[in-house]
Amino acid sequence: METSLNGGADLPVLIHRGGVFFDVEGTSPQEIYKNISEQIEKPEGVTSDLIYNALCAREQVLSTAVGNGIALPHARASIIKSEENQKICVVYLKNPIDMQAPDEREVFVMFVLLTSNSQVHLKVLTELAGLFRNLRFRKALESHAGEAEILSLIRELDK
């Protein structure tokens, strides 16, 4: 797997694989997970239902909302079997939803993590948490930045 300069998983590669989705509809995390699990490109052996059920099961344990209008949906156990199929899908919601975020802000964007092992998963979470603390990155998300802008900004901030 390619790594970034700080030794974590390569976020630009993972986001490029996963893609950026705009105006995803749903009034609950479950509805959004249903819609996105049907839209994302899946590797052989991974179904929409598998992704949907894994995301919903994790959400039942504790909200994946992290604050600033951002959520990090992911499976509790890896459902992706190979590193080359790992991805992060950036999902802008058509309408923000309440996901019981610590700061009580409604979620408007989700970073859906599909990783093959807990080590990569934790590195991705750490790197994303750092990005979410950056005001420029959050402003880009609030303006619904596309893939090129997100990737460019991540590369710039990773220097």
N, C-alpha and C. Protein backbone atom coordinates (compact mmCIF):
# COMPACT_ATOMS: atom_id res chain seq x y z
N MET A 1 0.84 -1.19 0.00
CA MET A 1 0.00 0.00 0.00
C MET A 1 0.88 1.23 0.00
N GLU A 2 0.47 2.21 -0.75
CA GLU A 2 1.20 3.47 -0.77
C GLU A 2 0.99 4.17 0.56
N THR A 3 2.02 4.87 0.99
CA THR A 3 1.88 5.62 2.24
C THR A 3 2.22 7.07 2.01
N SER A 4 1.71 7.91 2.90
CA SER A 4 2.01 9.33 2.80
C SER A 4 3.30 9.61 3.56
N LEU A 5 3.74 10.83 3.51
CA LEU A 5 4.99 11.22 4.14
C LEU A 5 4.97 10.99 5.64
N ASN A 6 3.82 11.06 6.26
CA ASN A 6 3.78 10.87 7.70
C ASN A 6 3.53 9.41 8.10
N GLY A 7 3.64 8.50 7.15
CA GLY A 7 3.60 7.08 7.46
C GLY A 7 2.21 6.47 7.55
N GLY A 8 1.17 7.23 7.28
CA GLY A 8 -0.17 6.68 7.34
C GLY A 8 -0.62 6.18 5.97
N ALA A 9 -1.84 5.72 5.92
CA ALA A 9 -2.41 5.31 4.65
C ALA A 9 -2.51 6.54 3.74
N ASP A 10 -2.41 6.34 2.45
CA ASP A 10 -2.41 7.46 1.50
C ASP A 10 -3.86 7.91 1.26
N LEU A 11 -4.27 8.95 1.97
CA LEU A 11 -5.65 9.43 1.88
C LEU A 11 -6.05 9.80 0.46
N PRO A 12 -5.20 10.54 -0.30
CA PRO A 12 -5.62 10.87 -1.66
C PRO A 12 -5.92 9.63 -2.51
N VAL A 13 -5.11 8.60 -2.38
CA VAL A 13 -5.36 7.37 -3.15
C VAL A 13 -6.67 6.73 -2.72
N LEU A 14 -6.90 6.65 -1.41
CA LEU A 14 -8.12 6.02 -0.90
C LEU A 14 -9.37 6.81 -1.31
N ILE A 15 -9.28 8.13 -1.25
CA ILE A 15 -10.44 8.95 -1.65
C ILE A 15 -10.67 8.86 -3.16
N HIS A 16 -9.60 8.84 -3.93
CA HIS A 16 -9.76 8.70 -5.38
C HIS A 16 -10.46 7.37 -5.71
N ARG A 17 -10.08 6.31 -5.02
CA ARG A 17 -10.72 5.01 -5.25
C ARG A 17 -12.20 5.03 -4.87
N GLY A 18 -12.50 5.72 -3.76
CA GLY A 18 -13.87 5.72 -3.25
C GLY A 18 -14.77 6.71 -3.95
N GLY A 19 -14.22 7.86 -4.31
CA GLY A 19 -15.01 8.86 -5.00
C GLY A 19 -15.70 9.84 -4.08
N VAL A 20 -16.24 10.88 -4.70
CA VAL A 20 -16.98 11.91 -3.99
C VAL A 20 -18.41 11.90 -4.53
N PHE A 21 -19.36 11.84 -3.63
CA PHE A 21 -20.78 11.77 -3.99
C PHE A 21 -21.48 13.02 -3.47
N PHE A 22 -22.30 13.60 -4.31
CA PHE A 22 -23.01 14.84 -3.96
C PHE A 22 -24.51 14.58 -3.84
N ASP A 23 -25.15 15.34 -2.97
CA ASP A 23 -26.61 15.33 -2.81
C ASP A 23 -27.18 13.95 -2.55
N VAL A 24 -26.51 13.18 -1.69
CA VAL A 24 -27.03 11.86 -1.33
C VAL A 24 -28.22 12.06 -0.41
N GLU A 25 -29.31 11.42 -0.75
CA GLU A 25 -30.56 11.62 -0.03
C GLU A 25 -30.70 10.65 1.13
N GLY A 26 -31.46 11.11 2.13
CA GLY A 26 -31.76 10.28 3.29
C GLY A 26 -32.02 11.17 4.49
N THR A 27 -32.94 10.72 5.35
CA THR A 27 -33.27 11.48 6.55
C THR A 27 -32.72 10.82 7.80
N SER A 28 -32.02 9.70 7.64
CA SER A 28 -31.41 8.99 8.76
C SER A 28 -30.10 8.38 8.27
N PRO A 29 -29.21 8.03 9.19
CA PRO A 29 -27.99 7.36 8.75
C PRO A 29 -28.29 6.09 7.94
N GLN A 30 -29.31 5.35 8.38
CA GLN A 30 -29.65 4.09 7.69
C GLN A 30 -30.06 4.33 6.24
N GLU A 31 -30.88 5.36 6.00
CA GLU A 31 -31.29 5.66 4.62
C GLU A 31 -30.09 6.07 3.78
N ILE A 32 -29.21 6.86 4.37
CA ILE A 32 -28.02 7.31 3.63
C ILE A 32 -27.11 6.13 3.35
N TYR A 33 -26.91 5.26 4.35
CA TYR A 33 -26.05 4.08 4.14
C TYR A 33 -26.63 3.18 3.05
N LYS A 34 -27.94 3.07 3.01
CA LYS A 34 -28.59 2.26 1.96
C LYS A 34 -28.28 2.84 0.59
N ASN A 35 -28.47 4.15 0.46
CA ASN A 35 -28.23 4.80 -0.83
C ASN A 35 -26.77 4.72 -1.25
N ILE A 36 -25.86 4.99 -0.33
CA ILE A 36 -24.45 5.02 -0.71
C ILE A 36 -23.92 3.61 -0.96
N SER A 37 -24.40 2.63 -0.19
CA SER A 37 -23.91 1.25 -0.40
C SER A 37 -24.30 0.72 -1.77
N GLU A 38 -25.37 1.26 -2.33
CA GLU A 38 -25.78 0.85 -3.67
C GLU A 38 -24.98 1.60 -4.75
N GLN A 39 -24.47 2.79 -4.43
CA GLN A 39 -23.79 3.61 -5.42
C GLN A 39 -22.30 3.33 -5.56
N ILE A 40 -21.66 2.95 -4.46
CA ILE A 40 -20.20 2.81 -4.53
C ILE A 40 -19.79 1.55 -5.28
N GLU A 41 -18.63 1.64 -5.88
CA GLU A 41 -18.08 0.50 -6.60
C GLU A 41 -17.58 -0.52 -5.58
N LYS A 42 -18.02 -1.77 -5.76
CA LYS A 42 -17.70 -2.80 -4.79
C LYS A 42 -16.78 -3.86 -5.41
N PRO A 43 -15.82 -4.33 -4.63
CA PRO A 43 -14.98 -5.42 -5.13
C PRO A 43 -15.78 -6.72 -5.16
N GLU A 44 -15.28 -7.68 -5.89
CA GLU A 44 -15.93 -8.98 -5.98
C GLU A 44 -16.08 -9.56 -4.57
N GLY A 45 -17.26 -10.11 -4.31
CA GLY A 45 -17.51 -10.72 -3.01
C GLY A 45 -18.08 -9.77 -1.98
N VAL A 46 -18.16 -8.49 -2.30
CA VAL A 46 -18.72 -7.51 -1.37
C VAL A 46 -20.01 -6.98 -1.99
N THR A 47 -21.10 -7.11 -1.26
CA THR A 47 -22.40 -6.68 -1.77
C THR A 47 -22.84 -5.38 -1.10
N SER A 48 -23.83 -4.76 -1.71
CA SER A 48 -24.43 -3.55 -1.12
C SER A 48 -24.97 -3.87 0.27
N ASP A 49 -25.63 -5.03 0.40
CA ASP A 49 -26.19 -5.41 1.69
C ASP A 49 -25.12 -5.59 2.76
N LEU A 50 -23.99 -6.17 2.37
CA LEU A 50 -22.90 -6.37 3.32
C LEU A 50 -22.40 -5.02 3.85
N ILE A 51 -22.19 -4.07 2.95
CA ILE A 51 -21.73 -2.74 3.36
C ILE A 51 -22.79 -2.06 4.22
N TYR A 52 -24.03 -2.09 3.75
CA TYR A 52 -25.13 -1.45 4.49
C TYR A 52 -25.24 -2.01 5.90
N ASN A 53 -25.26 -3.33 6.02
CA ASN A 53 -25.42 -3.96 7.34
C ASN A 53 -24.24 -3.65 8.25
N ALA A 54 -23.03 -3.62 7.70
CA ALA A 54 -21.84 -3.33 8.51
C ALA A 54 -21.87 -1.89 9.02
N LEU A 55 -22.26 -0.95 8.16
CA LEU A 55 -22.33 0.46 8.57
C LEU A 55 -23.42 0.66 9.62
N CYS A 56 -24.57 0.04 9.41
CA CYS A 56 -25.68 0.19 10.36
C CYS A 56 -25.33 -0.44 11.71
N ALA A 57 -24.68 -1.60 11.69
CA ALA A 57 -24.31 -2.27 12.94
C ALA A 57 -23.37 -1.39 13.75
N ARG A 58 -22.42 -0.77 13.09
CA ARG A 58 -21.48 0.11 13.80
C ARG A 58 -22.20 1.34 14.35
N GLU A 59 -23.12 1.89 13.58
CA GLU A 59 -23.84 3.09 14.00
C GLU A 59 -24.71 2.81 15.22
N GLN A 60 -25.20 1.57 15.36
CA GLN A 60 -26.03 1.21 16.51
C GLN A 60 -25.23 1.22 17.80
N VAL A 61 -23.93 0.95 17.71
CA VAL A 61 -23.08 0.92 18.89
C VAL A 61 -22.88 2.34 19.44
N LEU A 62 -22.54 3.27 18.54
CA LEU A 62 -22.27 4.66 18.91
C LEU A 62 -22.25 5.49 17.64
N SER A 63 -22.77 6.68 17.72
CA SER A 63 -22.79 7.55 16.55
C SER A 63 -21.38 7.74 16.00
N THR A 64 -21.28 7.76 14.67
CA THR A 64 -19.99 8.00 14.03
C THR A 64 -19.78 9.49 13.73
N ALA A 65 -20.70 10.33 14.17
CA ALA A 65 -20.54 11.78 14.01
C ALA A 65 -19.40 12.24 14.91
N VAL A 66 -18.48 13.05 14.35
CA VAL A 66 -17.32 13.49 15.11
C VAL A 66 -17.34 14.99 15.42
N GLY A 67 -18.32 15.70 14.88
CA GLY A 67 -18.39 17.14 15.11
C GLY A 67 -18.08 17.91 13.84
N ASN A 68 -18.36 19.20 13.87
CA ASN A 68 -18.16 20.09 12.73
C ASN A 68 -18.95 19.65 11.49
N GLY A 69 -20.03 18.93 11.69
CA GLY A 69 -20.86 18.49 10.57
C GLY A 69 -20.32 17.28 9.82
N ILE A 70 -19.38 16.56 10.45
CA ILE A 70 -18.69 15.44 9.79
C ILE A 70 -18.97 14.13 10.52
N ALA A 71 -19.14 13.06 9.77
CA ALA A 71 -19.26 11.71 10.35
C ALA A 71 -18.29 10.78 9.64
N LEU A 72 -17.88 9.74 10.35
CA LEU A 72 -16.93 8.75 9.83
C LEU A 72 -17.51 7.34 9.89
N PRO A 73 -18.53 7.05 9.10
CA PRO A 73 -19.10 5.70 9.12
C PRO A 73 -18.07 4.66 8.69
N HIS A 74 -18.08 3.53 9.39
CA HIS A 74 -17.17 2.43 9.07
C HIS A 74 -17.71 1.15 9.68
N ALA A 75 -17.18 0.05 9.22
CA ALA A 75 -17.57 -1.25 9.76
C ALA A 75 -16.75 -1.54 11.01
N ARG A 76 -17.30 -2.32 11.92
CA ARG A 76 -16.56 -2.70 13.13
C ARG A 76 -15.47 -3.70 12.79
N ALA A 77 -15.73 -4.53 11.81
CA ALA A 77 -14.73 -5.51 11.36
C ALA A 77 -14.53 -5.29 9.86
N SER A 78 -13.35 -5.61 9.38
CA SER A 78 -13.04 -5.38 7.96
C SER A 78 -13.93 -6.24 7.07
N ILE A 79 -14.55 -5.60 6.09
CA ILE A 79 -15.32 -6.33 5.09
C ILE A 79 -14.60 -6.32 3.74
N ILE A 80 -13.56 -5.51 3.65
CA ILE A 80 -12.73 -5.46 2.45
C ILE A 80 -11.54 -6.39 2.70
N LYS A 81 -11.28 -7.27 1.76
CA LYS A 81 -10.27 -8.30 1.99
C LYS A 81 -8.88 -7.95 1.48
N SER A 82 -8.76 -7.05 0.50
CA SER A 82 -7.44 -6.75 -0.03
C SER A 82 -7.15 -5.25 0.04
N GLU A 83 -5.88 -4.92 0.22
CA GLU A 83 -5.49 -3.52 0.35
C GLU A 83 -5.84 -2.70 -0.88
N GLU A 84 -5.74 -3.29 -2.07
CA GLU A 84 -6.01 -2.52 -3.28
C GLU A 84 -7.49 -2.17 -3.45
N ASN A 85 -8.37 -2.78 -2.64
CA ASN A 85 -9.80 -2.46 -2.71
C ASN A 85 -10.25 -1.51 -1.60
N GLN A 86 -9.31 -1.10 -0.75
CA GLN A 86 -9.66 -0.16 0.32
C GLN A 86 -10.03 1.18 -0.30
N LYS A 87 -10.93 1.89 0.38
CA LYS A 87 -11.35 3.19 -0.15
C LYS A 87 -12.00 4.02 0.93
N ILE A 88 -12.08 5.31 0.62
CA ILE A 88 -12.84 6.26 1.43
C ILE A 88 -13.79 6.97 0.47
N CYS A 89 -15.05 6.92 0.78
CA CYS A 89 -16.05 7.64 -0.03
C CYS A 89 -16.44 8.91 0.71
N VAL A 90 -16.30 10.04 0.03
CA VAL A 90 -16.72 11.31 0.61
C VAL A 90 -18.17 11.53 0.15
N VAL A 91 -19.06 11.66 1.11
CA VAL A 91 -20.49 11.70 0.81
C VAL A 91 -21.10 12.99 1.35
N TYR A 92 -21.46 13.88 0.43
CA TYR A 92 -22.15 15.11 0.83
C TYR A 92 -23.65 14.82 0.83
N LEU A 93 -24.30 15.14 1.93
CA LEU A 93 -25.73 14.88 2.06
C LEU A 93 -26.56 15.98 1.42
N LYS A 94 -27.66 15.59 0.82
CA LYS A 94 -28.56 16.59 0.23
C LYS A 94 -29.09 17.51 1.32
N ASN A 95 -29.44 16.90 2.46
CA ASN A 95 -29.92 17.66 3.61
C ASN A 95 -29.21 17.15 4.86
N PRO A 96 -28.64 18.06 5.66
CA PRO A 96 -27.96 17.62 6.89
C PRO A 96 -28.90 16.85 7.81
N ILE A 97 -28.32 15.92 8.58
CA ILE A 97 -29.13 15.12 9.50
C ILE A 97 -28.52 15.16 10.90
N ASP A 98 -29.37 14.93 11.89
CA ASP A 98 -28.92 14.86 13.28
C ASP A 98 -28.40 13.45 13.54
N MET A 99 -27.13 13.37 13.94
CA MET A 99 -26.54 12.06 14.27
C MET A 99 -25.98 12.08 15.70
N GLN A 100 -26.52 12.94 16.54
CA GLN A 100 -26.08 13.03 17.94
C GLN A 100 -24.59 13.34 18.05
N ALA A 101 -24.13 14.29 17.27
CA ALA A 101 -22.72 14.69 17.28
C ALA A 101 -22.36 15.31 18.63
N PRO A 102 -21.10 15.19 19.03
CA PRO A 102 -20.69 15.77 20.31
C PRO A 102 -20.93 17.28 20.39
N ASP A 103 -20.81 17.98 19.25
CA ASP A 103 -21.04 19.43 19.24
C ASP A 103 -22.47 19.78 18.83
N GLU A 104 -23.31 18.77 18.67
CA GLU A 104 -24.73 18.91 18.34
C GLU A 104 -24.99 19.48 16.95
N ARG A 105 -23.95 19.61 16.12
CA ARG A 105 -24.15 20.07 14.75
C ARG A 105 -24.69 18.93 13.90
N GLU A 106 -25.55 19.28 12.96
CA GLU A 106 -26.05 18.27 12.03
C GLU A 106 -24.94 17.88 11.06
N VAL A 107 -24.94 16.62 10.66
CA VAL A 107 -23.93 16.10 9.74
C VAL A 107 -24.31 16.46 8.32
N PHE A 108 -23.34 17.02 7.57
CA PHE A 108 -23.57 17.35 6.16
C PHE A 108 -22.62 16.58 5.24
N VAL A 109 -21.57 15.98 5.82
CA VAL A 109 -20.63 15.21 5.01
C VAL A 109 -20.18 13.98 5.80
N MET A 110 -20.03 12.87 5.08
CA MET A 110 -19.54 11.63 5.67
C MET A 110 -18.32 11.16 4.91
N PHE A 111 -17.37 10.61 5.65
CA PHE A 111 -16.22 9.94 5.06
C PHE A 111 -16.42 8.46 5.39
N VAL A 112 -16.91 7.70 4.42
CA VAL A 112 -17.20 6.28 4.63
C VAL A 112 -15.91 5.50 4.42
N LEU A 113 -15.42 4.87 5.50
CA LEU A 113 -14.16 4.13 5.45
C LEU A 113 -14.40 2.65 5.19
N LEU A 114 -13.74 2.14 4.16
CA LEU A 114 -13.77 0.71 3.87
C LEU A 114 -12.31 0.25 3.79
N THR A 115 -11.82 -0.30 4.90
CA THR A 115 -10.42 -0.69 4.98
C THR A 115 -10.31 -2.20 5.22
N SER A 116 -9.12 -2.73 4.97
CA SER A 116 -8.94 -4.19 5.04
C SER A 116 -8.36 -4.66 6.37
N ASN A 117 -7.87 -3.75 7.19
CA ASN A 117 -7.36 -4.19 8.49
C ASN A 117 -7.38 -3.03 9.48
N SER A 118 -7.28 -3.37 10.76
CA SER A 118 -7.42 -2.35 11.80
C SER A 118 -6.24 -1.38 11.82
N GLN A 119 -5.06 -1.82 11.41
CA GLN A 119 -3.90 -0.93 11.40
C GLN A 119 -4.11 0.22 10.41
N VAL A 120 -4.52 -0.09 9.20
CA VAL A 120 -4.80 0.94 8.20
C VAL A 120 -5.97 1.80 8.66
N HIS A 121 -6.98 1.15 9.19
CA HIS A 121 -8.16 1.86 9.67
C HIS A 121 -7.78 2.94 10.70
N LEU A 122 -6.95 2.57 11.66
CA LEU A 122 -6.55 3.52 12.69
C LEU A 122 -5.68 4.64 12.12
N LYS A 123 -4.81 4.32 11.18
CA LYS A 123 -3.99 5.36 10.54
C LYS A 123 -4.88 6.35 9.78
N VAL A 124 -5.86 5.83 9.06
CA VAL A 124 -6.78 6.69 8.31
C VAL A 124 -7.55 7.58 9.27
N LEU A 125 -8.07 7.01 10.34
CA LEU A 125 -8.82 7.81 11.32
C LEU A 125 -7.95 8.93 11.90
N THR A 126 -6.70 8.60 12.22
CA THR A 126 -5.78 9.59 12.77
C THR A 126 -5.52 10.72 11.78
N GLU A 127 -5.26 10.36 10.53
CA GLU A 127 -4.99 11.39 9.52
C GLU A 127 -6.22 12.25 9.25
N LEU A 128 -7.39 11.61 9.17
CA LEU A 128 -8.60 12.39 8.94
C LEU A 128 -8.88 13.32 10.12
N ALA A 129 -8.68 12.84 11.33
CA ALA A 129 -8.90 13.69 12.51
C ALA A 129 -8.01 14.93 12.44
N GLY A 130 -6.78 14.77 11.98
CA GLY A 130 -5.89 15.92 11.82
C GLY A 130 -6.42 16.90 10.78
N LEU A 131 -6.92 16.36 9.68
CA LEU A 131 -7.48 17.23 8.64
C LEU A 131 -8.72 17.97 9.15
N PHE A 132 -9.54 17.28 9.92
CA PHE A 132 -10.78 17.90 10.40
C PHE A 132 -10.51 19.03 11.38
N ARG A 133 -9.31 19.06 11.97
CA ARG A 133 -8.95 20.16 12.86
C ARG A 133 -8.50 21.39 12.07
N ASN A 134 -8.25 21.21 10.78
CA ASN A 134 -7.76 22.30 9.94
C ASN A 134 -8.93 23.11 9.39
N LEU A 135 -8.93 24.42 9.70
CA LEU A 135 -10.04 25.28 9.28
C LEU A 135 -10.20 25.32 7.76
N ARG A 136 -9.09 25.40 7.03
CA ARG A 136 -9.17 25.44 5.56
C ARG A 136 -9.83 24.18 5.01
N PHE A 137 -9.49 23.04 5.58
CA PHE A 137 -10.08 21.79 5.12
C PHE A 137 -11.58 21.76 5.42
N ARG A 138 -11.95 22.17 6.63
CA ARG A 138 -13.38 22.19 6.98
C ARG A 138 -14.15 23.15 6.10
N LYS A 139 -13.55 24.32 5.79
CA LYS A 139 -14.22 25.29 4.91
C LYS A 139 -14.41 24.69 3.51
N ALA A 140 -13.41 23.94 3.03
CA ALA A 140 -13.54 23.29 1.73
C ALA A 140 -14.70 22.30 1.73
N LEU A 141 -14.84 21.55 2.82
CA LEU A 141 -15.95 20.61 2.93
C LEU A 141 -17.28 21.36 2.96
N GLU A 142 -17.32 22.45 3.71
CA GLU A 142 -18.56 23.23 3.80
C GLU A 142 -18.98 23.79 2.45
N SER A 143 -18.01 24.04 1.57
CA SER A 143 -18.34 24.53 0.23
C SER A 143 -18.54 23.38 -0.76
N HIS A 144 -18.59 22.16 -0.23
CA HIS A 144 -18.81 20.96 -1.05
C HIS A 144 -17.73 20.80 -2.13
N ALA A 145 -16.49 20.88 -1.70
CA ALA A 145 -15.36 20.73 -2.62
C ALA A 145 -15.43 19.39 -3.33
N GLY A 146 -15.03 19.40 -4.60
CA GLY A 146 -14.98 18.17 -5.38
C GLY A 146 -13.71 17.39 -5.10
N GLU A 147 -13.57 16.26 -5.77
CA GLU A 147 -12.43 15.38 -5.54
C GLU A 147 -11.09 16.07 -5.77
N ALA A 148 -10.94 16.78 -6.88
CA ALA A 148 -9.66 17.42 -7.20
C ALA A 148 -9.24 18.41 -6.12
N GLU A 149 -10.19 19.21 -5.64
CA GLU A 149 -9.87 20.20 -4.61
C GLU A 149 -9.53 19.53 -3.29
N ILE A 150 -10.28 18.50 -2.93
CA ILE A 150 -10.00 17.78 -1.67
C ILE A 150 -8.61 17.15 -1.72
N LEU A 151 -8.31 16.47 -2.82
CA LEU A 151 -7.02 15.78 -2.93
C LEU A 151 -5.87 16.78 -2.93
N SER A 152 -6.04 17.88 -3.63
CA SER A 152 -5.00 18.92 -3.68
C SER A 152 -4.75 19.49 -2.29
N LEU A 153 -5.81 19.76 -1.56
CA LEU A 153 -5.68 20.33 -0.23
C LEU A 153 -5.03 19.33 0.73
N ILE A 154 -5.40 18.07 0.66
CA ILE A 154 -4.77 17.05 1.51
C ILE A 154 -3.27 16.98 1.23
N ARG A 155 -2.90 16.97 -0.03
CA ARG A 155 -1.48 16.90 -0.38
C ARG A 155 -0.73 18.13 0.12
N GLU A 156 -1.35 19.28 0.00
CA GLU A 156 -0.73 20.53 0.46
C GLU A 156 -0.55 20.52 1.98
N LEU A 157 -1.55 20.07 2.71
CA LEU A 157 -1.50 20.08 4.17
C LEU A 157 -0.61 18.97 4.71
N ASP A 158 -0.32 17.96 3.89
CA ASP A 158 0.50 16.83 4.31
C ASP A 158 2.00 17.15 4.24
N LYS A 159 2.33 18.30 3.67
CA LYS A 159 3.75 18.66 3.51
C LYS A 159 4.36 19.09 4.82
